[in-house]
Amino acid sequence: MMRLCRGAFLIAAGLPLLAIGQQLTPAEVYARVSPSVFSVLVFDANGRLAVTGSAVVVAHGRAVTNKHVVDGGALIRLGRGAAEWEAEVSAVDDTHDLAVLTVNGSAPPRCSCVDLMRLLLASTYMR
């Protein structure tokens, strides 16, 4: 598992954001993001459900959740309705309490917003 600083974490996650100056209504934000929001189910070593949370799928096979949700979990699953996917922690950002999950198998749909890589590189290196 990697430990990443904020900029590297966001690039590694492939986290998409809206373009600067783009205005969306709350309904438009919900319509774009909600298909990519999943429950996070964290099980202990005995197979009992220990913690629940949420995650956003940000790239094919990658989701972002809070680090404290997945800390110490023996098994992590993303779910919505009857569908579930196994996942594992692939990177963490302790400072910002974030964790990147790698989703095993066929990945759930990702958030459909602007590619962060372009936005992040422009904002980081053009200061």
C-alpha atoms as a PDB file:
ATOM      1  CA  MET A   1       0.000   0.000   0.000  1.00  0.00           C
ATOM      2  CA  MET A   2       1.252   3.497  -0.853  1.00  0.00           C
ATOM      3  CA  ARG A   3       1.193   6.582   1.309  1.00  0.00           C
ATOM      4  CA  LEU A   4       0.693   9.670  -0.787  1.00  0.00           C
ATOM      5  CA  CYS A   5       0.788  13.415  -0.427  1.00  0.00           C
ATOM      6  CA  ARG A   6      -2.356  15.273  -1.473  1.00  0.00           C
ATOM      7  CA  GLY A   7      -1.405  16.059  -5.092  1.00  0.00           C
ATOM      8  CA  ALA A   8      -0.031  12.595  -5.783  1.00  0.00           C
ATOM      9  CA  PHE A   9      -3.054  11.033  -4.079  1.00  0.00           C
ATOM     10  CA  LEU A  10      -5.485  12.885  -6.300  1.00  0.00           C
ATOM     11  CA  ILE A  11      -3.564  11.997  -9.449  1.00  0.00           C
ATOM     12  CA  ALA A  12      -3.288   8.345  -8.401  1.00  0.00           C
ATOM     13  CA  ALA A  13      -6.997   8.231  -7.680  1.00  0.00           C
ATOM     14  CA  GLY A  14      -7.836   9.763 -11.040  1.00  0.00           C
ATOM     15  CA  LEU A  15     -10.351  11.848  -9.116  1.00  0.00           C
ATOM     16  CA  PRO A  16     -12.548  13.826 -11.511  1.00  0.00           C
ATOM     17  CA  LEU A  17     -13.759  17.304 -10.656  1.00  0.00           C
ATOM     18  CA  LEU A  18     -15.759  19.992 -12.366  1.00  0.00           C
ATOM     19  CA  ALA A  19     -13.918  22.500 -14.501  1.00  0.00           C
ATOM     20  CA  ILE A  20     -13.156  25.842 -12.909  1.00  0.00           C
ATOM     21  CA  GLY A  21     -16.057  28.214 -13.448  1.00  0.00           C
ATOM     22  CA  GLN A  22     -18.501  25.467 -14.436  1.00  0.00           C
ATOM     23  CA  GLN A  23     -21.803  25.989 -12.628  1.00  0.00           C
ATOM     24  CA  LEU A  24     -24.167  23.123 -11.883  1.00  0.00           C
ATOM     25  CA  THR A  25     -27.396  23.042  -9.941  1.00  0.00           C
ATOM     26  CA  PRO A  26     -27.632  20.626  -6.995  1.00  0.00           C
ATOM     27  CA  ALA A  27     -29.863  18.381  -9.130  1.00  0.00           C
ATOM     28  CA  GLU A  28     -27.238  18.292 -11.901  1.00  0.00           C
ATOM     29  CA  VAL A  29     -24.476  17.442  -9.420  1.00  0.00           C
ATOM     30  CA  TYR A  30     -26.620  14.638  -7.983  1.00  0.00           C
ATOM     31  CA  ALA A  31     -27.420  13.289 -11.456  1.00  0.00           C
ATOM     32  CA  ARG A  32     -23.717  13.137 -12.371  1.00  0.00           C
ATOM     33  CA  VAL A  33     -22.346  11.770  -9.121  1.00  0.00           C
ATOM     34  CA  SER A  34     -25.037   9.468  -7.674  1.00  0.00           C
ATOM     35  CA  PRO A  35     -24.459   6.559 -10.111  1.00  0.00           C
ATOM     36  CA  SER A  36     -20.895   6.379  -8.760  1.00  0.00           C
ATOM     37  CA  VAL A  37     -21.698   6.415  -5.026  1.00  0.00           C
ATOM     38  CA  PHE A  38     -21.588   3.029  -3.314  1.00  0.00           C
ATOM     39  CA  SER A  39     -21.825   1.612   0.183  1.00  0.00           C
ATOM     40  CA  VAL A  40     -18.581   0.428   1.736  1.00  0.00           C
ATOM     41  CA  LEU A  41     -18.959  -2.690   3.866  1.00  0.00           C
ATOM     42  CA  VAL A  42     -15.977  -3.533   6.062  1.00  0.00           C
ATOM     43  CA  PHE A  43     -15.801  -6.946   7.707  1.00  0.00           C
ATOM     44  CA  ASP A  44     -13.595  -8.041  10.611  1.00  0.00           C
ATOM     45  CA  ALA A  45     -11.376 -11.145  10.705  1.00  0.00           C
ATOM     46  CA  ASN A  46     -14.379 -13.236  11.851  1.00  0.00           C
ATOM     47  CA  GLY A  47     -16.434 -12.217   8.809  1.00  0.00           C
ATOM     48  CA  ARG A  48     -18.753  -9.956  10.797  1.00  0.00           C
ATOM     49  CA  LEU A  49     -19.772  -6.569   9.448  1.00  0.00           C
ATOM     50  CA  ALA A  50     -17.737  -4.069  11.471  1.00  0.00           C
ATOM     51  CA  VAL A  51     -18.112  -0.693   9.715  1.00  0.00           C
ATOM     52  CA  THR A  52     -20.155   0.850   6.923  1.00  0.00           C
ATOM     53  CA  GLY A  53     -19.411   3.972   4.932  1.00  0.00           C
ATOM     54  CA  SER A  54     -19.584   5.286   1.391  1.00  0.00           C
ATOM     55  CA  ALA A  55     -17.222   5.646  -1.561  1.00  0.00           C
ATOM     56  CA  VAL A  56     -17.203   7.307  -4.960  1.00  0.00           C
ATOM     57  CA  VAL A  57     -15.879   5.374  -7.949  1.00  0.00           C
ATOM     58  CA  VAL A  58     -13.510   7.839  -9.598  1.00  0.00           C
ATOM     59  CA  ALA A  59     -11.826   5.752 -12.298  1.00  0.00           C
ATOM     60  CA  HIS A  60     -12.163   2.274 -13.762  1.00  0.00           C
ATOM     61  CA  GLY A  61     -11.546  -0.065 -10.834  1.00  0.00           C
ATOM     62  CA  ARG A  62     -10.824   2.719  -8.306  1.00  0.00           C
ATOM     63  CA  ALA A  63     -12.930   4.239  -5.556  1.00  0.00           C
ATOM     64  CA  VAL A  64     -12.193   6.817  -2.857  1.00  0.00           C
ATOM     65  CA  THR A  65     -13.477   6.593   0.715  1.00  0.00           C
ATOM     66  CA  ASN A  66     -12.398   7.812   4.139  1.00  0.00           C
ATOM     67  CA  LYS A  67      -9.362   6.052   5.574  1.00  0.00           C
ATOM     68  CA  HIS A  68     -10.970   5.661   9.005  1.00  0.00           C
ATOM     69  CA  VAL A  69     -13.775   3.610   7.424  1.00  0.00           C
ATOM     70  CA  VAL A  70     -11.433   0.903   6.114  1.00  0.00           C
ATOM     71  CA  ASP A  71      -8.766   0.942   8.866  1.00  0.00           C
ATOM     72  CA  GLY A  72      -8.276  -2.534  10.277  1.00  0.00           C
ATOM     73  CA  GLY A  73     -10.773  -4.226   7.986  1.00  0.00           C
ATOM     74  CA  ALA A  74     -10.101  -7.815   6.929  1.00  0.00           C
ATOM     75  CA  LEU A  75     -12.484  -7.701   3.940  1.00  0.00           C
ATOM     76  CA  ILE A  76     -13.861  -4.691   2.077  1.00  0.00           C
ATOM     77  CA  ARG A  77     -16.819  -4.757  -0.297  1.00  0.00           C
ATOM     78  CA  LEU A  78     -18.519  -2.030  -2.326  1.00  0.00           C
ATOM     79  CA  GLY A  79     -22.229  -2.488  -2.774  1.00  0.00           C
ATOM     80  CA  ARG A  80     -25.429  -1.058  -4.144  1.00  0.00           C
ATOM     81  CA  GLY A  81     -28.657  -2.993  -4.012  1.00  0.00           C
ATOM     82  CA  ALA A  82     -27.922  -6.671  -4.664  1.00  0.00           C
ATOM     83  CA  ALA A  83     -24.634  -5.974  -6.491  1.00  0.00           C
ATOM     84  CA  GLU A  84     -21.334  -6.194  -4.586  1.00  0.00           C
ATOM     85  CA  TRP A  85     -17.659  -5.956  -5.525  1.00  0.00           C
ATOM     86  CA  GLU A  86     -14.625  -6.943  -3.460  1.00  0.00           C
ATOM     87  CA  ALA A  87     -12.074  -4.184  -2.961  1.00  0.00           C
ATOM     88  CA  GLU A  88      -8.737  -3.624  -1.267  1.00  0.00           C
ATOM     89  CA  VAL A  89      -6.922  -0.548  -0.034  1.00  0.00           C
ATOM     90  CA  SER A  90      -4.233   0.439  -2.538  1.00  0.00           C
ATOM     91  CA  ALA A  91      -3.225   3.889  -1.219  1.00  0.00           C
ATOM     92  CA  VAL A  92      -3.897   6.108   1.771  1.00  0.00           C
ATOM     93  CA  ASP A  93      -3.544   9.780   2.639  1.00  0.00           C
ATOM     94  CA  ASP A  94      -3.356   9.952   6.439  1.00  0.00           C
ATOM     95  CA  THR A  95      -3.381  13.746   6.533  1.00  0.00           C
ATOM     96  CA  HIS A  96      -6.681  14.028   4.657  1.00  0.00           C
ATOM     97  CA  ASP A  97      -8.271  10.776   5.926  1.00  0.00           C
ATOM     98  CA  LEU A  98      -8.634   9.353   2.408  1.00  0.00           C
ATOM     99  CA  ALA A  99      -8.136   5.877   0.980  1.00  0.00           C
ATOM    100  CA  VAL A 100      -8.070   4.631  -2.615  1.00  0.00           C
ATOM    101  CA  LEU A 101      -9.752   1.272  -3.069  1.00  0.00           C
ATOM    102  CA  THR A 102      -8.923  -1.029  -5.960  1.00  0.00           C
ATOM    103  CA  VAL A 103     -12.084  -2.842  -7.023  1.00  0.00           C
ATOM    104  CA  ASN A 104     -11.697  -6.494  -7.996  1.00  0.00           C
ATOM    105  CA  GLY A 105     -13.696  -7.942 -10.884  1.00  0.00           C
ATOM    106  CA  SER A 106     -15.950  -5.925 -13.153  1.00  0.00           C
ATOM    107  CA  ALA A 107     -15.828  -2.375 -11.848  1.00  0.00           C
ATOM    108  CA  PRO A 108     -18.859  -0.254 -10.974  1.00  0.00           C
ATOM    109  CA  PRO A 109     -19.432   2.942 -13.012  1.00  0.00           C
ATOM    110  CA  ARG A 110     -17.268   5.983 -12.305  1.00  0.00           C
ATOM    111  CA  CYS A 111     -18.280   9.578 -11.733  1.00  0.00           C
ATOM    112  CA  SER A 112     -18.777  11.432 -15.024  1.00  0.00           C
ATOM    113  CA  CYS A 113     -17.087  14.783 -14.482  1.00  0.00           C
ATOM    114  CA  VAL A 114     -14.074  16.544 -15.972  1.00  0.00           C
ATOM    115  CA  ASP A 115     -10.720  14.751 -15.779  1.00  0.00           C
ATOM    116  CA  LEU A 116      -8.855  15.953 -12.694  1.00  0.00           C
ATOM    117  CA  MET A 117      -5.406  15.261 -14.139  1.00  0.00           C
ATOM    118  CA  ARG A 118      -5.641  18.291 -16.449  1.00  0.00           C
ATOM    119  CA  LEU A 119      -7.171  20.475 -13.743  1.00  0.00           C
ATOM    120  CA  LEU A 120      -4.680  19.416 -11.066  1.00  0.00           C
ATOM    121  CA  LEU A 121      -1.634  19.800 -13.287  1.00  0.00           C
ATOM    122  CA  ALA A 122      -2.787  23.240 -14.404  1.00  0.00           C
ATOM    123  CA  SER A 123      -3.459  24.437 -10.854  1.00  0.00           C
ATOM    124  CA  THR A 124      -0.304  22.886  -9.357  1.00  0.00           C
ATOM    125  CA  TYR A 125       2.302  23.830 -11.919  1.00  0.00           C
ATOM    126  CA  MET A 126       0.960  27.197 -13.087  1.00  0.00           C
ATOM    127  CA  ARG A 127       1.026  28.962  -9.714  1.00  0.00           C
END
